[in-house]
């Protein structure tokens, strides 16, 4: 559900293929290869992050949950709400196989309060906490 973009014009962004491989050192077998397609924004956002911040309002978890798509994604972390659509669309994990799990993790948590996951993953990376501030749009209503 969270993997699909909100626009029906955009195709699925995640596909899996099964292929057979053989190698003298490993033997033969099958493996599953994931292939990600970077989302394309089909429309301009109704409001920019700056405009959303200027509304000076609090957001409910219900508001956040309406933005769970790869071309319209919000998250809540520690009582703050972030519109991370731009970050997700431009994430290098769409093109780099070694970062595919990062994109999948982000997609899985769109539209949710992912405070525990964010703290656990980004604890050793203080730069991530500074970077996410650029996507801040308001406080989460308690």
N, C-alpha and C. Protein backbone atom coordinates (compact mmCIF):
# COMPACT_ATOMS: atom_id res chain seq x y z
N UNK A 1 0.82 -1.20 0.00
CA UNK A 1 0.00 0.00 0.00
C UNK A 1 0.86 1.25 0.00
N UNK A 2 1.83 1.34 0.87
CA UNK A 2 2.64 2.55 0.94
C UNK A 2 3.59 2.68 -0.25
N UNK A 3 3.80 1.63 -0.99
CA UNK A 3 4.75 1.69 -2.09
C UNK A 3 4.18 2.37 -3.32
N UNK A 4 2.88 2.48 -3.40
CA UNK A 4 2.27 3.04 -4.59
C UNK A 4 2.17 4.56 -4.50
N UNK A 5 2.47 5.24 -5.59
CA UNK A 5 2.33 6.69 -5.59
C UNK A 5 0.86 7.07 -5.61
N UNK A 6 0.56 8.29 -5.21
CA UNK A 6 -0.82 8.72 -5.18
C UNK A 6 -1.38 8.92 -6.58
N UNK A 7 -0.53 9.19 -7.53
CA UNK A 7 -0.98 9.42 -8.89
C UNK A 7 -1.11 8.09 -9.63
N UNK A 8 -2.27 7.85 -10.21
CA UNK A 8 -2.47 6.60 -10.94
C UNK A 8 -1.64 6.56 -12.22
N UNK A 9 -1.20 7.73 -12.68
CA UNK A 9 -0.41 7.78 -13.90
C UNK A 9 1.00 7.23 -13.71
N UNK A 10 1.46 7.18 -12.47
CA UNK A 10 2.79 6.69 -12.18
C UNK A 10 2.74 5.18 -11.98
N UNK A 11 3.66 4.46 -12.60
CA UNK A 11 3.67 3.01 -12.48
C UNK A 11 4.23 2.59 -11.12
N UNK A 12 4.06 1.33 -10.79
CA UNK A 12 4.61 0.79 -9.55
C UNK A 12 6.10 1.07 -9.50
N UNK A 13 6.60 1.34 -8.32
CA UNK A 13 7.99 1.71 -8.17
C UNK A 13 8.88 0.56 -7.73
N UNK A 14 8.30 -0.56 -7.41
CA UNK A 14 9.09 -1.68 -6.90
C UNK A 14 8.69 -2.93 -7.65
N UNK A 15 9.65 -3.59 -8.24
CA UNK A 15 9.37 -4.85 -8.91
C UNK A 15 10.39 -5.87 -8.45
N UNK A 16 10.00 -7.10 -8.49
CA UNK A 16 10.92 -8.18 -8.12
C UNK A 16 11.00 -9.16 -9.28
N UNK A 17 12.17 -9.68 -9.46
CA UNK A 17 12.31 -10.70 -10.49
C UNK A 17 13.11 -11.86 -9.91
N UNK A 18 12.77 -13.04 -10.33
CA UNK A 18 13.47 -14.24 -9.90
C UNK A 18 14.38 -14.66 -11.05
N UNK A 19 15.62 -14.88 -10.73
CA UNK A 19 16.53 -15.31 -11.77
C UNK A 19 17.36 -16.49 -11.27
N UNK A 20 17.83 -17.27 -12.20
CA UNK A 20 18.67 -18.41 -11.87
C UNK A 20 20.12 -18.00 -12.06
N UNK A 21 20.92 -18.35 -11.10
CA UNK A 21 22.34 -18.03 -11.22
C UNK A 21 23.15 -19.30 -10.99
N UNK A 22 24.28 -19.34 -11.62
CA UNK A 22 25.18 -20.47 -11.37
C UNK A 22 26.59 -19.93 -11.24
N UNK A 23 27.27 -20.48 -10.31
CA UNK A 23 28.65 -20.08 -10.07
C UNK A 23 29.40 -21.28 -9.54
N UNK A 24 30.60 -21.46 -10.02
CA UNK A 24 31.35 -22.63 -9.59
C UNK A 24 31.66 -22.60 -8.11
N UNK A 25 31.81 -21.40 -7.53
CA UNK A 25 32.14 -21.33 -6.11
C UNK A 25 30.91 -21.46 -5.22
N UNK A 26 29.74 -21.13 -5.74
CA UNK A 26 28.53 -21.16 -4.91
C UNK A 26 27.54 -22.23 -5.32
N UNK A 27 27.74 -22.82 -6.42
CA UNK A 27 26.75 -23.76 -6.92
C UNK A 27 25.70 -23.00 -7.71
N UNK A 28 24.56 -23.63 -7.95
CA UNK A 28 23.52 -22.94 -8.68
C UNK A 28 22.31 -22.77 -7.79
N UNK A 29 21.48 -21.85 -8.17
CA UNK A 29 20.29 -21.60 -7.37
C UNK A 29 19.52 -20.41 -7.92
N UNK A 30 18.55 -19.99 -7.18
CA UNK A 30 17.78 -18.83 -7.60
C UNK A 30 17.94 -17.73 -6.56
N UNK A 31 17.78 -16.53 -7.00
CA UNK A 31 17.78 -15.40 -6.09
C UNK A 31 16.78 -14.38 -6.59
N UNK A 32 16.36 -13.56 -5.69
CA UNK A 32 15.38 -12.53 -6.03
C UNK A 32 16.10 -11.20 -6.08
N UNK A 33 15.93 -10.49 -7.17
CA UNK A 33 16.58 -9.18 -7.33
C UNK A 33 15.50 -8.11 -7.33
N UNK A 34 15.68 -7.12 -6.48
CA UNK A 34 14.72 -6.02 -6.41
C UNK A 34 15.20 -4.89 -7.30
N UNK A 35 14.27 -4.31 -7.98
CA UNK A 35 14.59 -3.20 -8.86
C UNK A 35 13.64 -2.06 -8.52
N UNK A 36 14.21 -0.91 -8.17
CA UNK A 36 13.39 0.25 -7.81
C UNK A 36 13.34 1.22 -8.97
N UNK A 37 12.18 1.82 -9.15
CA UNK A 37 12.03 2.88 -10.14
C UNK A 37 11.79 4.18 -9.37
N UNK A 38 12.66 5.16 -9.60
CA UNK A 38 12.53 6.44 -8.93
C UNK A 38 11.18 7.05 -9.29
N UNK A 39 10.42 7.52 -8.27
CA UNK A 39 9.12 8.13 -8.58
C UNK A 39 9.30 9.45 -9.30
N UNK A 40 8.32 9.76 -10.12
CA UNK A 40 8.30 11.03 -10.82
C UNK A 40 7.10 11.79 -10.27
N UNK A 41 7.34 13.02 -9.84
CA UNK A 41 6.23 13.82 -9.32
C UNK A 41 5.33 14.22 -10.48
N UNK A 42 4.10 13.78 -10.44
CA UNK A 42 3.15 14.03 -11.52
C UNK A 42 2.44 15.37 -11.38
N UNK A 43 2.59 15.98 -10.25
CA UNK A 43 1.88 17.22 -9.99
C UNK A 43 2.66 18.06 -9.01
N UNK A 44 2.41 19.34 -9.02
CA UNK A 44 3.02 20.21 -8.02
C UNK A 44 2.25 20.03 -6.72
N UNK A 45 2.95 20.10 -5.60
CA UNK A 45 2.22 19.96 -4.34
C UNK A 45 1.23 21.11 -4.18
N UNK A 46 0.13 20.82 -3.48
CA UNK A 46 -0.87 21.86 -3.25
C UNK A 46 -0.24 23.03 -2.50
N UNK A 47 0.56 22.70 -1.52
CA UNK A 47 1.26 23.72 -0.75
C UNK A 47 2.72 23.30 -0.58
N UNK A 48 3.62 24.26 -0.66
CA UNK A 48 5.02 23.97 -0.42
C UNK A 48 5.24 23.77 1.08
N UNK A 49 6.41 23.27 1.45
CA UNK A 49 6.73 23.11 2.87
C UNK A 49 6.69 24.46 3.57
N UNK A 50 7.19 25.48 2.92
CA UNK A 50 7.17 26.83 3.53
C UNK A 50 5.73 27.28 3.78
N UNK A 51 4.86 27.06 2.80
CA UNK A 51 3.46 27.45 2.98
C UNK A 51 2.80 26.62 4.08
N UNK A 52 3.12 25.35 4.16
CA UNK A 52 2.57 24.51 5.22
C UNK A 52 3.03 25.00 6.59
N UNK A 53 4.31 25.38 6.72
CA UNK A 53 4.83 25.92 7.98
C UNK A 53 4.13 27.23 8.33
N UNK A 54 3.88 28.07 7.33
CA UNK A 54 3.26 29.37 7.58
C UNK A 54 1.82 29.25 8.04
N UNK A 55 1.21 28.09 7.84
CA UNK A 55 -0.14 27.88 8.37
C UNK A 55 -0.13 27.89 9.89
N UNK A 56 1.06 27.63 10.46
CA UNK A 56 1.26 27.65 11.91
C UNK A 56 0.19 26.84 12.62
N UNK A 57 0.06 25.59 12.20
CA UNK A 57 -0.95 24.72 12.80
C UNK A 57 -0.32 23.42 13.25
N UNK A 58 -1.06 22.69 14.04
CA UNK A 58 -0.63 21.36 14.42
C UNK A 58 -1.32 20.36 13.50
N UNK A 59 -0.68 19.22 13.33
CA UNK A 59 -1.20 18.18 12.45
C UNK A 59 -1.54 16.96 13.30
N UNK A 60 -2.61 16.30 12.93
CA UNK A 60 -2.99 15.07 13.62
C UNK A 60 -2.33 13.88 12.94
N UNK A 61 -2.30 12.76 13.62
CA UNK A 61 -1.77 11.55 13.00
C UNK A 61 -2.64 11.14 11.81
N UNK A 62 -3.91 11.48 11.87
CA UNK A 62 -4.80 11.23 10.74
C UNK A 62 -4.38 12.06 9.52
N UNK A 63 -3.98 13.32 9.75
CA UNK A 63 -3.46 14.16 8.66
C UNK A 63 -2.22 13.51 8.05
N UNK A 64 -1.32 13.10 8.92
CA UNK A 64 -0.06 12.50 8.47
C UNK A 64 -0.34 11.24 7.66
N UNK A 65 -1.27 10.42 8.11
CA UNK A 65 -1.53 9.14 7.45
C UNK A 65 -2.09 9.29 6.04
N UNK A 66 -2.58 10.47 5.70
CA UNK A 66 -3.08 10.70 4.34
C UNK A 66 -1.95 10.93 3.35
N UNK A 67 -0.73 11.04 3.85
CA UNK A 67 0.44 11.33 3.01
C UNK A 67 1.42 10.17 3.12
N UNK A 68 1.03 9.02 2.56
CA UNK A 68 1.83 7.79 2.69
C UNK A 68 2.30 7.27 1.32
N UNK A 69 2.48 8.17 0.40
CA UNK A 69 2.84 7.78 -0.96
C UNK A 69 4.24 8.28 -1.32
N UNK A 70 4.87 7.61 -2.28
CA UNK A 70 6.23 8.00 -2.61
C UNK A 70 6.29 9.35 -3.32
N UNK A 71 5.17 9.85 -3.84
CA UNK A 71 5.19 11.20 -4.40
C UNK A 71 4.42 12.19 -3.52
N UNK A 72 4.13 11.79 -2.29
CA UNK A 72 3.48 12.66 -1.29
C UNK A 72 3.65 11.99 0.07
N UNK A 73 4.81 12.19 0.69
CA UNK A 73 5.12 11.45 1.91
C UNK A 73 5.44 12.32 3.10
N UNK A 74 4.71 12.09 4.20
CA UNK A 74 4.97 12.78 5.46
C UNK A 74 5.30 11.72 6.51
N UNK A 75 6.07 12.14 7.51
CA UNK A 75 6.31 11.31 8.68
C UNK A 75 6.22 12.20 9.92
N UNK A 76 5.99 11.57 11.06
CA UNK A 76 6.04 12.26 12.35
C UNK A 76 7.17 11.64 13.16
N UNK A 77 7.99 12.52 13.76
CA UNK A 77 9.10 12.06 14.59
C UNK A 77 9.18 12.96 15.81
N UNK A 78 9.05 12.35 16.98
CA UNK A 78 9.18 13.08 18.25
C UNK A 78 8.32 14.33 18.32
N UNK A 79 7.06 14.20 17.91
CA UNK A 79 6.11 15.30 18.04
C UNK A 79 6.19 16.35 16.95
N UNK A 80 7.00 16.11 15.92
CA UNK A 80 7.13 17.04 14.80
C UNK A 80 6.74 16.32 13.52
N UNK A 81 6.20 17.08 12.56
CA UNK A 81 5.74 16.51 11.30
C UNK A 81 6.65 17.03 10.19
N UNK A 82 7.03 16.11 9.30
CA UNK A 82 7.93 16.43 8.20
C UNK A 82 7.34 15.96 6.87
N UNK A 83 7.40 16.83 5.87
CA UNK A 83 7.03 16.45 4.50
C UNK A 83 8.34 16.05 3.82
N UNK A 84 8.59 14.75 3.72
CA UNK A 84 9.87 14.27 3.21
C UNK A 84 9.79 13.83 1.75
N UNK A 85 8.77 14.28 1.04
CA UNK A 85 8.59 13.89 -0.37
C UNK A 85 9.85 14.17 -1.18
N UNK A 86 10.37 15.38 -1.09
CA UNK A 86 11.54 15.75 -1.89
C UNK A 86 12.75 14.87 -1.53
N UNK A 87 12.94 14.62 -0.25
CA UNK A 87 14.04 13.76 0.19
C UNK A 87 13.89 12.36 -0.41
N UNK A 88 12.69 11.82 -0.36
CA UNK A 88 12.46 10.48 -0.86
C UNK A 88 12.69 10.39 -2.36
N UNK A 89 12.13 11.33 -3.11
CA UNK A 89 12.26 11.31 -4.56
C UNK A 89 13.72 11.43 -5.00
N UNK A 90 14.49 12.21 -4.26
CA UNK A 90 15.89 12.43 -4.62
C UNK A 90 16.87 11.51 -3.90
N UNK A 91 16.37 10.54 -3.17
CA UNK A 91 17.24 9.65 -2.40
C UNK A 91 18.11 8.80 -3.33
N UNK A 92 19.41 8.67 -3.04
CA UNK A 92 20.28 7.87 -3.91
C UNK A 92 19.95 6.38 -3.93
N UNK A 93 19.17 5.91 -2.98
CA UNK A 93 18.81 4.50 -2.93
C UNK A 93 18.00 4.01 -4.11
N UNK A 94 17.37 4.91 -4.85
CA UNK A 94 16.63 4.50 -6.04
C UNK A 94 17.58 3.96 -7.11
N UNK A 95 18.81 4.47 -7.10
CA UNK A 95 19.77 4.09 -8.14
C UNK A 95 20.90 3.20 -7.63
N UNK A 96 21.08 3.13 -6.34
CA UNK A 96 22.19 2.39 -5.76
C UNK A 96 21.68 1.14 -5.05
N UNK A 97 22.07 -0.01 -5.53
CA UNK A 97 21.62 -1.26 -4.94
C UNK A 97 21.95 -1.40 -3.47
N UNK A 98 23.06 -0.79 -3.05
CA UNK A 98 23.45 -0.94 -1.64
C UNK A 98 22.59 -0.08 -0.71
N UNK A 99 21.80 0.86 -1.24
CA UNK A 99 20.96 1.69 -0.39
C UNK A 99 19.47 1.40 -0.59
N UNK A 100 19.14 0.33 -1.29
CA UNK A 100 17.75 0.01 -1.56
C UNK A 100 16.97 -0.24 -0.26
N UNK A 101 17.62 -0.81 0.74
CA UNK A 101 16.91 -1.08 1.99
C UNK A 101 16.53 0.21 2.71
N UNK A 102 17.32 1.25 2.52
CA UNK A 102 16.98 2.54 3.12
C UNK A 102 15.70 3.08 2.50
N UNK A 103 15.59 3.04 1.19
CA UNK A 103 14.38 3.50 0.51
C UNK A 103 13.19 2.66 0.94
N UNK A 104 13.36 1.35 1.02
CA UNK A 104 12.26 0.48 1.42
C UNK A 104 11.81 0.80 2.85
N UNK A 105 12.75 1.09 3.72
CA UNK A 105 12.41 1.46 5.10
C UNK A 105 11.64 2.76 5.14
N UNK A 106 12.07 3.75 4.36
CA UNK A 106 11.35 5.02 4.31
C UNK A 106 9.94 4.80 3.79
N UNK A 107 9.81 4.05 2.71
CA UNK A 107 8.49 3.78 2.13
C UNK A 107 7.57 3.10 3.14
N UNK A 108 8.12 2.17 3.91
CA UNK A 108 7.31 1.43 4.88
C UNK A 108 6.79 2.30 6.00
N UNK A 109 7.44 3.43 6.26
CA UNK A 109 7.04 4.28 7.39
C UNK A 109 6.35 5.57 6.99
N UNK A 110 6.12 5.78 5.69
CA UNK A 110 5.41 6.99 5.27
C UNK A 110 4.02 7.03 5.88
N UNK A 111 3.61 8.21 6.29
CA UNK A 111 2.27 8.37 6.84
C UNK A 111 2.12 7.89 8.27
N UNK A 112 3.23 7.69 8.97
CA UNK A 112 3.16 7.17 10.34
C UNK A 112 4.00 8.02 11.30
N UNK A 113 3.81 7.75 12.58
CA UNK A 113 4.71 8.27 13.59
C UNK A 113 5.80 7.22 13.73
N UNK A 114 6.94 7.52 13.18
CA UNK A 114 8.04 6.54 13.16
C UNK A 114 9.17 7.01 14.07
N UNK A 115 8.82 7.61 15.20
CA UNK A 115 9.82 8.15 16.13
C UNK A 115 10.83 7.11 16.58
N UNK A 116 10.36 5.96 17.03
CA UNK A 116 11.27 4.92 17.55
C UNK A 116 12.22 4.44 16.46
N UNK A 117 11.69 4.20 15.27
CA UNK A 117 12.52 3.73 14.17
C UNK A 117 13.55 4.78 13.77
N UNK A 118 13.12 6.03 13.68
CA UNK A 118 14.03 7.11 13.28
C UNK A 118 15.16 7.26 14.29
N UNK A 119 14.81 7.24 15.58
CA UNK A 119 15.84 7.36 16.62
C UNK A 119 16.81 6.19 16.56
N UNK A 120 16.29 4.99 16.38
CA UNK A 120 17.14 3.81 16.35
C UNK A 120 18.10 3.83 15.16
N UNK A 121 17.58 4.16 14.00
CA UNK A 121 18.39 4.14 12.78
C UNK A 121 19.39 5.30 12.75
N UNK A 122 18.95 6.49 13.20
CA UNK A 122 19.78 7.68 13.03
C UNK A 122 20.55 8.10 14.28
N UNK A 123 20.48 7.32 15.33
CA UNK A 123 21.21 7.65 16.56
C UNK A 123 22.69 7.92 16.29
N UNK A 124 23.37 7.06 15.51
CA UNK A 124 24.79 7.32 15.29
C UNK A 124 25.07 8.39 14.22
N UNK A 125 24.02 8.97 13.64
CA UNK A 125 24.20 9.93 12.55
C UNK A 125 23.55 11.27 12.88
N UNK A 126 24.21 12.12 13.67
CA UNK A 126 23.60 13.39 14.05
C UNK A 126 23.29 14.28 12.85
N UNK A 127 23.98 14.08 11.74
CA UNK A 127 23.71 14.90 10.56
C UNK A 127 22.29 14.66 10.05
N UNK A 128 21.77 13.45 10.21
CA UNK A 128 20.40 13.16 9.76
C UNK A 128 19.39 13.99 10.52
N UNK A 129 19.65 14.22 11.81
CA UNK A 129 18.73 15.04 12.62
C UNK A 129 18.74 16.49 12.14
N UNK A 130 19.91 16.97 11.71
CA UNK A 130 19.98 18.34 11.18
C UNK A 130 19.30 18.41 9.81
N UNK A 131 19.52 17.41 8.99
CA UNK A 131 18.95 17.42 7.64
C UNK A 131 17.43 17.36 7.65
N UNK A 132 16.85 16.59 8.55
CA UNK A 132 15.40 16.44 8.56
C UNK A 132 14.69 17.75 8.90
N UNK A 133 15.39 18.65 9.57
CA UNK A 133 14.77 19.94 9.94
C UNK A 133 14.32 20.73 8.71
N UNK A 134 14.98 20.54 7.58
CA UNK A 134 14.59 21.24 6.35
C UNK A 134 13.20 20.84 5.88
N UNK A 135 12.71 19.70 6.34
CA UNK A 135 11.42 19.17 5.89
C UNK A 135 10.30 19.39 6.91
N UNK A 136 10.60 20.11 7.97
CA UNK A 136 9.64 20.37 9.05
C UNK A 136 8.47 21.20 8.54
N UNK A 137 7.24 20.77 8.89
CA UNK A 137 6.05 21.54 8.49
C UNK A 137 5.15 21.88 9.68
N UNK A 138 5.42 21.35 10.86
CA UNK A 138 4.60 21.69 12.02
C UNK A 138 4.68 20.65 13.12
N UNK A 139 3.96 20.92 14.17
CA UNK A 139 3.94 20.03 15.34
C UNK A 139 2.84 18.98 15.18
N UNK A 140 3.08 17.83 15.80
CA UNK A 140 2.08 16.76 15.84
C UNK A 140 1.17 16.98 17.05
N UNK A 141 -0.12 17.01 16.81
CA UNK A 141 -1.10 17.18 17.88
C UNK A 141 -1.07 15.96 18.78
N UNK A 142 -1.09 16.19 20.09
CA UNK A 142 -1.08 15.07 21.02
C UNK A 142 -2.45 14.49 21.25
